[in-house]
Amino acid sequence: MVHLIRVQATSEQMAEMLQALKTYVKLAVDIQRGILVGSGEMHADCEEMLIDDGSQQVDTWGADWDPFKRQVTYESLINIRPRQNNRSMEIQDPNTRKRIDEIVHDLLGRYERLYGDS
C-alpha cells in the first residue's frame, strides 16, 4: 500500500509499505516540503502522488529505505535530470542526499523502535 507520509510513520503504515517489496520501500522524497511517499512498484508512482499533492518535480527525488539496515540508497530512474546537473540514476549532490537522509530518518526511522530490532 502506498502512503503519503507527512509525520512520523506508524508501525501499520510501515508494515503496509513493506508489503510490496518485503525488504525495502521505494520512496519519492520532497526535499522542499519535508514529506515523502513510500511503497509501490516504481518510484515514478510515488513521485506522481507527491506531485498530485502539490510538490514540484524539481524538489522530488527517488530513493529506497531499508528499515532493517536503517539505510537510504539514492538510486532511481526519476533522478536522471540533466537540467539539474544529475545525469545519473544516483543522486550526485551531497546536499540533496543529506536532506533526503534527514527526511527519511525523521519520518521512517522510528520503525526500528516499533519492531524492537535495535
PDB file of N, CA and C in Angstrom:
ATOM      1  N   MET A   1       0.842  -1.177   0.000  1.00  0.00           N
ATOM      2  CA  MET A   1       0.000   0.000   0.000  1.00  0.00           C
ATOM      3  C   MET A   1       0.891   1.246   0.000  1.00  0.00           C
ATOM      4  N   VAL A   2       0.530   2.208  -0.812  1.00  0.00           N
ATOM      5  CA  VAL A   2       1.275   3.450  -0.934  1.00  0.00           C
ATOM      6  C   VAL A   2       0.776   4.443   0.113  1.00  0.00           C
ATOM      7  N   HIS A   3       1.719   5.107   0.783  1.00  0.00           N
ATOM      8  CA  HIS A   3       1.359   6.083   1.814  1.00  0.00           C
ATOM      9  C   HIS A   3       2.083   7.406   1.581  1.00  0.00           C
ATOM     10  N   LEU A   4       1.345   8.485   1.750  1.00  0.00           N
ATOM     11  CA  LEU A   4       1.920   9.828   1.811  1.00  0.00           C
ATOM     12  C   LEU A   4       2.229  10.082   3.278  1.00  0.00           C
ATOM     13  N   ILE A   5       3.485  10.314   3.586  1.00  0.00           N
ATOM     14  CA  ILE A   5       3.923  10.454   4.976  1.00  0.00           C
ATOM     15  C   ILE A   5       4.346  11.905   5.226  1.00  0.00           C
ATOM     16  N   ARG A   6       3.605  12.565   6.110  1.00  0.00           N
ATOM     17  CA  ARG A   6       3.905  13.951   6.491  1.00  0.00           C
ATOM     18  C   ARG A   6       4.472  14.041   7.908  1.00  0.00           C
ATOM     19  N   VAL A   7       4.119  13.064   8.738  1.00  0.00           N
ATOM     20  CA  VAL A   7       4.612  12.963  10.105  1.00  0.00           C
ATOM     21  C   VAL A   7       5.134  11.552  10.282  1.00  0.00           C
ATOM     22  N   GLN A   8       5.778  11.318  11.383  1.00  0.00           N
ATOM     23  CA  GLN A   8       6.398  10.018  11.627  1.00  0.00           C
ATOM     24  C   GLN A   8       5.430   8.863  11.322  1.00  0.00           C
ATOM     25  N   ALA A   9       5.883   7.928  10.503  1.00  0.00           N
ATOM     26  CA  ALA A   9       5.055   6.792  10.099  1.00  0.00           C
ATOM     27  C   ALA A   9       4.715   5.900  11.289  1.00  0.00           C
ATOM     28  N   THR A  10       3.535   5.331  11.240  1.00  0.00           N
ATOM     29  CA  THR A  10       3.120   4.366  12.260  1.00  0.00           C
ATOM     30  C   THR A  10       3.653   2.984  11.889  1.00  0.00           C
ATOM     31  N   SER A  11       3.618   2.072  12.837  1.00  0.00           N
ATOM     32  CA  SER A  11       4.047   0.700  12.544  1.00  0.00           C
ATOM     33  C   SER A  11       3.151   0.075  11.487  1.00  0.00           C
ATOM     34  N   GLU A  12       1.873   0.411  11.490  1.00  0.00           N
ATOM     35  CA  GLU A  12       0.942  -0.123  10.491  1.00  0.00           C
ATOM     36  C   GLU A  12       1.294   0.395   9.098  1.00  0.00           C
ATOM     37  N   GLN A  13       1.580   1.685   8.983  1.00  0.00           N
ATOM     38  CA  GLN A  13       1.967   2.242   7.692  1.00  0.00           C
ATOM     39  C   GLN A  13       3.253   1.591   7.190  1.00  0.00           C
ATOM     40  N   MET A  14       4.224   1.434   8.072  1.00  0.00           N
ATOM     41  CA  MET A  14       5.488   0.826   7.674  1.00  0.00           C
ATOM     42  C   MET A  14       5.274  -0.604   7.197  1.00  0.00           C
ATOM     43  N   ALA A  15       4.481  -1.368   7.919  1.00  0.00           N
ATOM     44  CA  ALA A  15       4.200  -2.753   7.527  1.00  0.00           C
ATOM     45  C   ALA A  15       3.506  -2.795   6.167  1.00  0.00           C
ATOM     46  N   GLU A  16       2.569  -1.889   5.936  1.00  0.00           N
ATOM     47  CA  GLU A  16       1.860  -1.845   4.658  1.00  0.00           C
ATOM     48  C   GLU A  16       2.786  -1.442   3.515  1.00  0.00           C
ATOM     49  N   MET A  17       3.699  -0.514   3.767  1.00  0.00           N
ATOM     50  CA  MET A  17       4.644  -0.108   2.726  1.00  0.00           C
ATOM     51  C   MET A  17       5.614  -1.234   2.385  1.00  0.00           C
ATOM     52  N   LEU A  18       5.950  -2.054   3.357  1.00  0.00           N
ATOM     53  CA  LEU A  18       6.860  -3.181   3.123  1.00  0.00           C
ATOM     54  C   LEU A  18       6.194  -4.336   2.380  1.00  0.00           C
ATOM     55  N   GLN A  19       4.878  -4.358   2.294  1.00  0.00           N
ATOM     56  CA  GLN A  19       4.178  -5.452   1.622  1.00  0.00           C
ATOM     57  C   GLN A  19       4.602  -5.604   0.166  1.00  0.00           C
ATOM     58  N   ALA A  20       4.856  -4.505  -0.522  1.00  0.00           N
ATOM     59  CA  ALA A  20       5.169  -4.557  -1.950  1.00  0.00           C
ATOM     60  C   ALA A  20       6.482  -5.290  -2.230  1.00  0.00           C
ATOM     61  N   LEU A  21       7.554  -4.952  -1.531  1.00  0.00           N
ATOM     62  CA  LEU A  21       8.879  -5.493  -1.846  1.00  0.00           C
ATOM     63  C   LEU A  21       9.526  -6.265  -0.699  1.00  0.00           C
ATOM     64  N   LYS A  22       8.875  -6.297   0.441  1.00  0.00           N
ATOM     65  CA  LYS A  22       9.266  -7.092   1.618  1.00  0.00           C
ATOM     66  C   LYS A  22      10.487  -6.587   2.380  1.00  0.00           C
ATOM     67  N   THR A  23      11.590  -6.271   1.706  1.00  0.00           N
ATOM     68  CA  THR A  23      12.810  -5.938   2.427  1.00  0.00           C
ATOM     69  C   THR A  23      13.192  -4.464   2.352  1.00  0.00           C
ATOM     70  N   TYR A  24      12.535  -3.709   1.481  1.00  0.00           N
ATOM     71  CA  TYR A  24      12.814  -2.274   1.402  1.00  0.00           C
ATOM     72  C   TYR A  24      11.594  -1.564   0.830  1.00  0.00           C
ATOM     73  N   VAL A  25      11.614  -0.228   0.924  1.00  0.00           N
ATOM     74  CA  VAL A  25      10.498   0.593   0.472  1.00  0.00           C
ATOM     75  C   VAL A  25      11.009   1.591  -0.557  1.00  0.00           C
ATOM     76  N   LYS A  26      10.362   1.631  -1.709  1.00  0.00           N
ATOM     77  CA  LYS A  26      10.672   2.651  -2.706  1.00  0.00           C
ATOM     78  C   LYS A  26      10.036   3.958  -2.258  1.00  0.00           C
ATOM     79  N   LEU A  27      10.773   5.049  -2.465  1.00  0.00           N
ATOM     80  CA  LEU A  27      10.319   6.351  -1.991  1.00  0.00           C
ATOM     81  C   LEU A  27      10.456   7.413  -3.068  1.00  0.00           C
ATOM     82  N   ALA A  28       9.621   8.432  -2.949  1.00  0.00           N
ATOM     83  CA  ALA A  28       9.855   9.725  -3.583  1.00  0.00           C
ATOM     84  C   ALA A  28       9.820  10.717  -2.432  1.00  0.00           C
ATOM     85  N   VAL A  29      10.839  11.556  -2.359  1.00  0.00           N
ATOM     86  CA  VAL A  29      11.004  12.469  -1.235  1.00  0.00           C
ATOM     87  C   VAL A  29      10.996  13.902  -1.755  1.00  0.00           C
ATOM     88  N   ASP A  30      10.144  14.733  -1.169  1.00  0.00           N
ATOM     89  CA  ASP A  30      10.115  16.157  -1.497  1.00  0.00           C
ATOM     90  C   ASP A  30      11.043  16.865  -0.519  1.00  0.00           C
ATOM     91  N   ILE A  31      12.198  17.300  -1.016  1.00  0.00           N
ATOM     92  CA  ILE A  31      13.198  17.895  -0.136  1.00  0.00           C
ATOM     93  C   ILE A  31      12.829  19.306   0.301  1.00  0.00           C
ATOM     94  N   GLN A  32      11.905  19.938  -0.383  1.00  0.00           N
ATOM     95  CA  GLN A  32      11.462  21.280  -0.003  1.00  0.00           C
ATOM     96  C   GLN A  32      10.407  21.209   1.102  1.00  0.00           C
ATOM     97  N   ARG A  33       9.427  20.331   0.936  1.00  0.00           N
ATOM     98  CA  ARG A  33       8.310  20.224   1.876  1.00  0.00           C
ATOM     99  C   ARG A  33       8.588  19.281   3.037  1.00  0.00           C
ATOM    100  N   GLY A  34       9.621  18.449   2.925  1.00  0.00           N
ATOM    101  CA  GLY A  34       9.982  17.535   4.004  1.00  0.00           C
ATOM    102  C   GLY A  34       9.001  16.393   4.180  1.00  0.00           C
ATOM    103  N   ILE A  35       8.423  15.911   3.069  1.00  0.00           N
ATOM    104  CA  ILE A  35       7.479  14.797   3.109  1.00  0.00           C
ATOM    105  C   ILE A  35       7.931  13.734   2.120  1.00  0.00           C
ATOM    106  N   LEU A  36       7.285  12.572   2.177  1.00  0.00           N
ATOM    107  CA  LEU A  36       7.624  11.508   1.243  1.00  0.00           C
ATOM    108  C   LEU A  36       6.415  10.638   0.963  1.00  0.00           C
ATOM    109  N   VAL A  37       6.517   9.896  -0.119  1.00  0.00           N
ATOM    110  CA  VAL A  37       5.553   8.846  -0.434  1.00  0.00           C
ATOM    111  C   VAL A  37       6.347   7.560  -0.515  1.00  0.00           C
ATOM    112  N   GLY A  38       5.831   6.504   0.106  1.00  0.00           N
ATOM    113  CA  GLY A  38       6.528   5.232   0.128  1.00  0.00           C
ATOM    114  C   GLY A  38       5.687   4.085  -0.342  1.00  0.00           C
ATOM    115  N   SER A  39       6.342   3.140  -1.015  1.00  0.00           N
ATOM    116  CA  SER A  39       5.836   1.874  -1.500  1.00  0.00           C
ATOM    117  C   SER A  39       5.598   1.929  -2.988  1.00  0.00           C
ATOM    118  N   GLY A  40       4.783   1.029  -3.486  1.00  0.00           N
ATOM    119  CA  GLY A  40       4.538   0.978  -4.911  1.00  0.00           C
ATOM    120  C   GLY A  40       5.585   0.157  -5.633  1.00  0.00           C
ATOM    121  N   GLU A  41       5.322  -0.080  -6.892  1.00  0.00           N
ATOM    122  CA  GLU A  41       6.234  -0.856  -7.720  1.00  0.00           C
ATOM    123  C   GLU A  41       7.343  -0.005  -8.316  1.00  0.00           C
ATOM    124  N   MET A  42       7.045   1.296  -8.524  1.00  0.00           N
ATOM    125  CA  MET A  42       8.022   2.166  -9.162  1.00  0.00           C
ATOM    126  C   MET A  42       8.117   3.499  -8.414  1.00  0.00           C
ATOM    127  N   HIS A  43       9.306   4.073  -8.433  1.00  0.00           N
ATOM    128  CA  HIS A  43       9.493   5.389  -7.827  1.00  0.00           C
ATOM    129  C   HIS A  43       8.582   6.423  -8.481  1.00  0.00           C
ATOM    130  N   ALA A  44       8.341   6.260  -9.773  1.00  0.00           N
ATOM    131  CA  ALA A  44       7.505   7.215 -10.506  1.00  0.00           C
ATOM    132  C   ALA A  44       6.082   7.257  -9.947  1.00  0.00           C
ATOM    133  N   ASP A  45       5.576   6.138  -9.454  1.00  0.00           N
ATOM    134  CA  ASP A  45       4.244   6.119  -8.837  1.00  0.00           C
ATOM    135  C   ASP A  45       4.219   6.997  -7.587  1.00  0.00           C
ATOM    136  N   CYS A  46       5.292   6.904  -6.808  1.00  0.00           N
ATOM    137  CA  CYS A  46       5.399   7.716  -5.595  1.00  0.00           C
ATOM    138  C   CYS A  46       5.552   9.194  -5.961  1.00  0.00           C
ATOM    139  N   GLU A  47       6.373   9.465  -6.959  1.00  0.00           N
ATOM    140  CA  GLU A  47       6.575  10.844  -7.409  1.00  0.00           C
ATOM    141  C   GLU A  47       5.264  11.452  -7.886  1.00  0.00           C
ATOM    142  N   GLU A  48       4.490  10.692  -8.636  1.00  0.00           N
ATOM    143  CA  GLU A  48       3.211  11.188  -9.138  1.00  0.00           C
ATOM    144  C   GLU A  48       2.270  11.569  -7.997  1.00  0.00           C
ATOM    145  N   MET A  49       2.255  10.753  -6.949  1.00  0.00           N
ATOM    146  CA  MET A  49       1.404  11.056  -5.798  1.00  0.00           C
ATOM    147  C   MET A  49       1.838  12.352  -5.114  1.00  0.00           C
ATOM    148  N   LEU A  50       3.149  12.572  -4.995  1.00  0.00           N
ATOM    149  CA  LEU A  50       3.644  13.814  -4.402  1.00  0.00           C
ATOM    150  C   LEU A  50       3.257  15.017  -5.264  1.00  0.00           C
ATOM    151  N   ILE A  51       3.414  14.897  -6.555  1.00  0.00           N
ATOM    152  CA  ILE A  51       3.076  15.995  -7.460  1.00  0.00           C
ATOM    153  C   ILE A  51       1.586  16.290  -7.406  1.00  0.00           C
ATOM    154  N   ASP A  52       0.765  15.243  -7.336  1.00  0.00           N
ATOM    155  CA  ASP A  52      -0.684  15.436  -7.194  1.00  0.00           C
ATOM    156  C   ASP A  52      -1.031  16.152  -5.894  1.00  0.00           C
ATOM    157  N   ASP A  53      -0.152  16.007  -4.892  1.00  0.00           N
ATOM    158  CA  ASP A  53      -0.361  16.647  -3.591  1.00  0.00           C
ATOM    159  C   ASP A  53       0.202  18.078  -3.548  1.00  0.00           C
ATOM    160  N   GLY A  54       0.843  18.513  -4.624  1.00  0.00           N
ATOM    161  CA  GLY A  54       1.337  19.880  -4.665  1.00  0.00           C
ATOM    162  C   GLY A  54       2.844  20.040  -4.715  1.00  0.00           C
ATOM    163  N   SER A  55       3.569  18.953  -4.704  1.00  0.00           N
ATOM    164  CA  SER A  55       5.025  19.036  -4.793  1.00  0.00           C
ATOM    165  C   SER A  55       5.446  19.441  -6.202  1.00  0.00           C
ATOM    166  N   GLN A  56       6.612  20.055  -6.295  1.00  0.00           N
ATOM    167  CA  GLN A  56       7.219  20.393  -7.578  1.00  0.00           C
ATOM    168  C   GLN A  56       8.181  19.271  -7.961  1.00  0.00           C
ATOM    169  N   GLN A  57       8.201  18.898  -9.224  1.00  0.00           N
ATOM    170  CA  GLN A  57       9.045  17.802  -9.674  1.00  0.00           C
ATOM    171  C   GLN A  57      10.521  18.075  -9.398  1.00  0.00           C
ATOM    172  N   VAL A  58      10.963  19.308  -9.488  1.00  0.00           N
ATOM    173  CA  VAL A  58      12.382  19.630  -9.246  1.00  0.00           C
ATOM    174  C   VAL A  58      12.803  19.367  -7.800  1.00  0.00           C
ATOM    175  N   ASP A  59      11.839  19.306  -6.895  1.00  0.00           N
ATOM    176  CA  ASP A  59      12.124  19.066  -5.476  1.00  0.00           C
ATOM    177  C   ASP A  59      11.941  17.607  -5.075  1.00  0.00           C
ATOM    178  N   THR A  60      11.521  16.769  -5.996  1.00  0.00           N
ATOM    179  CA  THR A  60      11.153  15.391  -5.686  1.00  0.00           C
ATOM    180  C   THR A  60      12.199  14.429  -6.233  1.00  0.00           C
ATOM    181  N   TRP A  61      12.743  13.605  -5.355  1.00  0.00           N
ATOM    182  CA  TRP A  61      13.822  12.680  -5.716  1.00  0.00           C
ATOM    183  C   TRP A  61      13.480  11.261  -5.296  1.00  0.00           C
ATOM    184  N   GLY A  62      14.004  10.289  -6.033  1.00  0.00           N
ATOM    185  CA  GLY A  62      13.776   8.881  -5.727  1.00  0.00           C
ATOM    186  C   GLY A  62      14.858   8.303  -4.844  1.00  0.00           C
ATOM    187  N   ALA A  63      14.431   7.451  -3.920  1.00  0.00           N
ATOM    188  CA  ALA A  63      15.365   6.781  -3.010  1.00  0.00           C
ATOM    189  C   ALA A  63      14.710   5.486  -2.536  1.00  0.00           C
ATOM    190  N   ASP A  64      15.461   4.699  -1.811  1.00  0.00           N
ATOM    191  CA  ASP A  64      14.946   3.481  -1.179  1.00  0.00           C
ATOM    192  C   ASP A  64      15.317   3.509   0.294  1.00  0.00           C
ATOM    193  N   TRP A  65      14.467   2.890   1.105  1.00  0.00           N
ATOM    194  CA  TRP A  65      14.703   2.791   2.547  1.00  0.00           C
ATOM    195  C   TRP A  65      14.708   1.332   2.939  1.00  0.00           C
ATOM    196  N   ASP A  66      15.815   0.893   3.514  1.00  0.00           N
ATOM    197  CA  ASP A  66      15.923  -0.448   4.079  1.00  0.00           C
ATOM    198  C   ASP A  66      15.798  -0.301   5.592  1.00  0.00           C
ATOM    199  N   PRO A  67      14.617  -0.623   6.144  1.00  0.00           N
ATOM    200  CA  PRO A  67      14.422  -0.418   7.581  1.00  0.00           C
ATOM    201  C   PRO A  67      15.224  -1.383   8.449  1.00  0.00           C
ATOM    202  N   PHE A  68      15.626  -2.504   7.890  1.00  0.00           N
ATOM    203  CA  PHE A  68      16.373  -3.487   8.661  1.00  0.00           C
ATOM    204  C   PHE A  68      17.836  -3.072   8.817  1.00  0.00           C
ATOM    205  N   LYS A  69      18.392  -2.458   7.780  1.00  0.00           N
ATOM    206  CA  LYS A  69      19.760  -1.934   7.835  1.00  0.00           C
ATOM    207  C   LYS A  69      19.779  -0.457   8.227  1.00  0.00           C
ATOM    208  N   ARG A  70      18.590   0.154   8.273  1.00  0.00           N
ATOM    209  CA  ARG A  70      18.447   1.586   8.566  1.00  0.00           C
ATOM    210  C   ARG A  70      19.262   2.415   7.578  1.00  0.00           C
ATOM    211  N   GLN A  71      19.108   2.078   6.296  1.00  0.00           N
ATOM    212  CA  GLN A  71      19.948   2.666   5.268  1.00  0.00           C
ATOM    213  C   GLN A  71      19.110   3.228   4.120  1.00  0.00           C
ATOM    214  N   VAL A  72      19.502   4.405   3.655  1.00  0.00           N
ATOM    215  CA  VAL A  72      18.899   5.033   2.488  1.00  0.00           C
ATOM    216  C   VAL A  72      19.840   4.835   1.307  1.00  0.00           C
ATOM    217  N   THR A  73      19.281   4.456   0.168  1.00  0.00           N
ATOM    218  CA  THR A  73      20.039   4.452  -1.077  1.00  0.00           C
ATOM    219  C   THR A  73      19.390   5.461  -2.007  1.00  0.00           C
ATOM    220  N   TYR A  74      20.170   6.007  -2.902  1.00  0.00           N
ATOM    221  CA  TYR A  74      19.764   7.194  -3.657  1.00  0.00           C
ATOM    222  C   TYR A  74      19.704   6.936  -5.162  1.00  0.00           C
ATOM    223  N   GLU A  75      19.177   5.813  -5.574  1.00  0.00           N
ATOM    224  CA  GLU A  75      19.180   5.450  -6.983  1.00  0.00           C
ATOM    225  C   GLU A  75      17.767   5.221  -7.497  1.00  0.00           C
ATOM    226  N   SER A  76      17.438   5.906  -8.591  1.00  0.00           N
ATOM    227  CA  SER A  76      16.123   5.765  -9.214  1.00  0.00           C
ATOM    228  C   SER A  76      16.159   6.384 -10.606  1.00  0.00           C
ATOM    229  N   LEU A  77      15.350   5.854 -11.491  1.00  0.00           N
ATOM    230  CA  LEU A  77      15.237   6.439 -12.830  1.00  0.00           C
ATOM    231  C   LEU A  77      14.750   7.879 -12.781  1.00  0.00           C
ATOM    232  N   ILE A  78      13.924   8.217 -11.805  1.00  0.00           N
ATOM    233  CA  ILE A  78      13.386   9.584 -11.741  1.00  0.00           C
ATOM    234  C   ILE A  78      14.467  10.602 -11.382  1.00  0.00           C
ATOM    235  N   ASN A  79      15.636  10.127 -10.988  1.00  0.00           N
ATOM    236  CA  ASN A  79      16.728  11.030 -10.617  1.00  0.00           C
ATOM    237  C   ASN A  79      17.569  11.477 -11.811  1.00  0.00           C
ATOM    238  N   ILE A  80      17.346  10.914 -12.979  1.00  0.00           N
ATOM    239  CA  ILE A  80      18.101  11.329 -14.158  1.00  0.00           C
ATOM    240  C   ILE A  80      17.551  12.678 -14.602  1.00  0.00           C
ATOM    241  N   ARG A  81      18.321  13.731 -14.321  1.00  0.00           N
ATOM    242  CA  ARG A  81      17.885  15.107 -14.567  1.00  0.00           C
ATOM    243  C   ARG A  81      19.052  15.967 -15.034  1.00  0.00           C
ATOM    244  N   PRO A  82      19.366  15.897 -16.293  1.00  0.00           N
ATOM    245  CA  PRO A  82      20.471  16.718 -16.795  1.00  0.00           C
ATOM    246  C   PRO A  82      20.286  18.204 -16.509  1.00  0.00           C
ATOM    247  N   ARG A  83      19.057  18.714 -16.557  1.00  0.00           N
ATOM    248  CA  ARG A  83      18.826  20.148 -16.316  1.00  0.00           C
ATOM    249  C   ARG A  83      19.137  20.542 -14.871  1.00  0.00           C
ATOM    250  N   GLN A  84      19.219  19.552 -13.972  1.00  0.00           N
ATOM    251  CA  GLN A  84      19.582  19.800 -12.574  1.00  0.00           C
ATOM    252  C   GLN A  84      20.973  19.235 -12.274  1.00  0.00           C
ATOM    253  N   ASN A  85      21.753  19.035 -13.319  1.00  0.00           N
ATOM    254  CA  ASN A  85      23.122  18.512 -13.210  1.00  0.00           C
ATOM    255  C   ASN A  85      23.189  17.148 -12.534  1.00  0.00           C
ATOM    256  N   ASN A  86      22.170  16.321 -12.745  1.00  0.00           N
ATOM    257  CA  ASN A  86      22.184  14.952 -12.235  1.00  0.00           C
ATOM    258  C   ASN A  86      21.952  14.031 -13.438  1.00  0.00           C
ATOM    259  N   ARG A  87      23.035  13.561 -14.022  1.00  0.00           N
ATOM    260  CA  ARG A  87      22.965  12.777 -15.256  1.00  0.00           C
ATOM    261  C   ARG A  87      22.953  11.278 -15.002  1.00  0.00           C
ATOM    262  N   SER A  88      22.742  10.899 -13.783  1.00  0.00           N
ATOM    263  CA  SER A  88      22.805   9.501 -13.371  1.00  0.00           C
ATOM    264  C   SER A  88      21.534   9.127 -12.604  1.00  0.00           C
ATOM    265  N   MET A  89      21.303   7.822 -12.481  1.00  0.00           N
ATOM    266  CA  MET A  89      20.193   7.365 -11.636  1.00  0.00           C
ATOM    267  C   MET A  89      20.480   7.659 -10.174  1.00  0.00           C
ATOM    268  N   GLU A  90      21.747   7.741  -9.820  1.00  0.00           N
ATOM    269  CA  GLU A  90      22.139   8.016  -8.437  1.00  0.00           C
ATOM    270  C   GLU A  90      22.225   9.526  -8.216  1.00  0.00           C
ATOM    271  N   ILE A  91      21.698   9.976  -7.098  1.00  0.00           N
ATOM    272  CA  ILE A  91      21.744  11.398  -6.765  1.00  0.00           C
ATOM    273  C   ILE A  91      23.194  11.780  -6.495  1.00  0.00           C
ATOM    274  N   GLN A  92      23.685  12.762  -7.238  1.00  0.00           N
ATOM    275  CA  GLN A  92      25.084  13.165  -7.158  1.00  0.00           C
ATOM    276  C   GLN A  92      25.353  14.236  -6.098  1.00  0.00           C
ATOM    277  N   ASP A  93      24.415  15.137  -5.886  1.00  0.00           N
ATOM    278  CA  ASP A  93      24.630  16.267  -4.992  1.00  0.00           C
ATOM    279  C   ASP A  93      24.609  15.826  -3.524  1.00  0.00           C
ATOM    280  N   PRO A  94      25.704  16.052  -2.798  1.00  0.00           N
ATOM    281  CA  PRO A  94      25.751  15.620  -1.397  1.00  0.00           C
ATOM    282  C   PRO A  94      24.732  16.337  -0.511  1.00  0.00           C
ATOM    283  N   ASN A  95      24.401  17.574  -0.824  1.00  0.00           N
ATOM    284  CA  ASN A  95      23.403  18.298  -0.024  1.00  0.00           C
ATOM    285  C   ASN A  95      22.007  17.716  -0.212  1.00  0.00           C
ATOM    286  N   THR A  96      21.687  17.328  -1.430  1.00  0.00           N
ATOM    287  CA  THR A  96      20.391  16.681  -1.694  1.00  0.00           C
ATOM    288  C   THR A  96      20.325  15.342  -0.979  1.00  0.00           C
ATOM    289  N   ARG A  97      21.394  14.577  -1.053  1.00  0.00           N
ATOM    290  CA  ARG A  97      21.437  13.279  -0.367  1.00  0.00           C
ATOM    291  C   ARG A  97      21.273  13.451   1.145  1.00  0.00           C
ATOM    292  N   LYS A  98      21.944  14.452   1.693  1.00  0.00           N
ATOM    293  CA  LYS A  98      21.853  14.698   3.136  1.00  0.00           C
ATOM    294  C   LYS A  98      20.423  15.057   3.536  1.00  0.00           C
ATOM    295  N   ARG A  99      19.789  15.913   2.749  1.00  0.00           N
ATOM    296  CA  ARG A  99      18.411  16.320   3.050  1.00  0.00           C
ATOM    297  C   ARG A  99      17.465  15.119   2.979  1.00  0.00           C
ATOM    298  N   ILE A 100      17.625  14.281   1.970  1.00  0.00           N
ATOM    299  CA  ILE A 100      16.792  13.079   1.855  1.00  0.00           C
ATOM    300  C   ILE A 100      17.005  12.182   3.063  1.00  0.00           C
ATOM    301  N   ASP A 101      18.248  11.978   3.435  1.00  0.00           N
ATOM    302  CA  ASP A 101      18.564  11.138   4.590  1.00  0.00           C
ATOM    303  C   ASP A 101      17.881  11.665   5.852  1.00  0.00           C
ATOM    304  N   GLU A 102      17.925  12.970   6.062  1.00  0.00           N
ATOM    305  CA  GLU A 102      17.280  13.576   7.235  1.00  0.00           C
ATOM    306  C   GLU A 102      15.768  13.336   7.224  1.00  0.00           C
ATOM    307  N   ILE A 103      15.143  13.573   6.087  1.00  0.00           N
ATOM    308  CA  ILE A 103      13.688  13.407   5.988  1.00  0.00           C
ATOM    309  C   ILE A 103      13.297  11.951   6.200  1.00  0.00           C
ATOM    310  N   VAL A 104      13.991  11.041   5.536  1.00  0.00           N
ATOM    311  CA  VAL A 104      13.652   9.620   5.654  1.00  0.00           C
ATOM    312  C   VAL A 104      13.834   9.136   7.087  1.00  0.00           C
ATOM    313  N   HIS A 105      14.939   9.493   7.718  1.00  0.00           N
ATOM    314  CA  HIS A 105      15.144   9.052   9.103  1.00  0.00           C
ATOM    315  C   HIS A 105      14.124   9.683  10.050  1.00  0.00           C
ATOM    316  N   ASP A 106      13.763  10.936   9.817  1.00  0.00           N
ATOM    317  CA  ASP A 106      12.746  11.576  10.662  1.00  0.00           C
ATOM    318  C   ASP A 106      11.384  10.909  10.518  1.00  0.00           C
ATOM    319  N   LEU A 107      11.012  10.573   9.287  1.00  0.00           N
ATOM    320  CA  LEU A 107       9.661  10.061   9.048  1.00  0.00           C
ATOM    321  C   LEU A 107       9.546   8.541   9.127  1.00  0.00           C
ATOM    322  N   LEU A 108      10.619   7.828   8.813  1.00  0.00           N
ATOM    323  CA  LEU A 108      10.553   6.361   8.796  1.00  0.00           C
ATOM    324  C   LEU A 108      11.499   5.693   9.780  1.00  0.00           C
ATOM    325  N   GLY A 109      12.442   6.406  10.332  1.00  0.00           N
ATOM    326  CA  GLY A 109      13.462   5.820  11.204  1.00  0.00           C
ATOM    327  C   GLY A 109      12.929   5.237  12.488  1.00  0.00           C
ATOM    328  N   ARG A 110      11.728   5.611  12.859  1.00  0.00           N
ATOM    329  CA  ARG A 110      11.105   5.100  14.071  1.00  0.00           C
ATOM    330  C   ARG A 110      10.797   3.611  13.961  1.00  0.00           C
ATOM    331  N   TYR A 111      10.780   3.096  12.768  1.00  0.00           N
ATOM    332  CA  TYR A 111      10.452   1.690  12.511  1.00  0.00           C
ATOM    333  C   TYR A 111      11.243   0.740  13.398  1.00  0.00           C
ATOM    334  N   GLU A 112      12.531   0.977  13.542  1.00  0.00           N
ATOM    335  CA  GLU A 112      13.364   0.067  14.335  1.00  0.00           C
ATOM    336  C   GLU A 112      12.890  -0.028  15.774  1.00  0.00           C
ATOM    337  N   ARG A 113      12.419   1.066  16.331  1.00  0.00           N
ATOM    338  CA  ARG A 113      11.934   1.045  17.712  1.00  0.00           C
ATOM    339  C   ARG A 113      10.577   0.348  17.808  1.00  0.00           C
ATOM    340  N   LEU A 114       9.739   0.541  16.804  1.00  0.00           N
ATOM    341  CA  LEU A 114       8.412  -0.065  16.833  1.00  0.00           C
ATOM    342  C   LEU A 114       8.474  -1.589  16.799  1.00  0.00           C
ATOM    343  N   TYR A 115       9.471  -2.119  16.111  1.00  0.00           N
ATOM    344  CA  TYR A 115       9.562  -3.560  15.979  1.00  0.00           C
ATOM    345  C   TYR A 115      10.626  -4.168  16.879  1.00  0.00           C
ATOM    346  N   GLY A 116      11.280  -3.337  17.677  1.00  0.00           N
ATOM    347  CA  GLY A 116      12.182  -3.829  18.708  1.00  0.00           C
ATOM    348  C   GLY A 116      13.419  -4.532  18.194  1.00  0.00           C
ATOM    349  N   ASP A 117      13.885  -4.182  16.990  1.00  0.00           N
ATOM    350  CA  ASP A 117      15.056  -4.871  16.480  1.00  0.00           C
ATOM    351  C   ASP A 117      16.344  -4.073  16.689  1.00  0.00           C
ATOM    352  N   SER A 118      16.298  -3.052  17.540  1.00  0.00           N
ATOM    353  CA  SER A 118      17.522  -2.288  17.788  1.00  0.00           C
ATOM    354  C   SER A 118      18.233  -2.786  19.021  1.00  0.00           C
TER     355      SER A 118
END
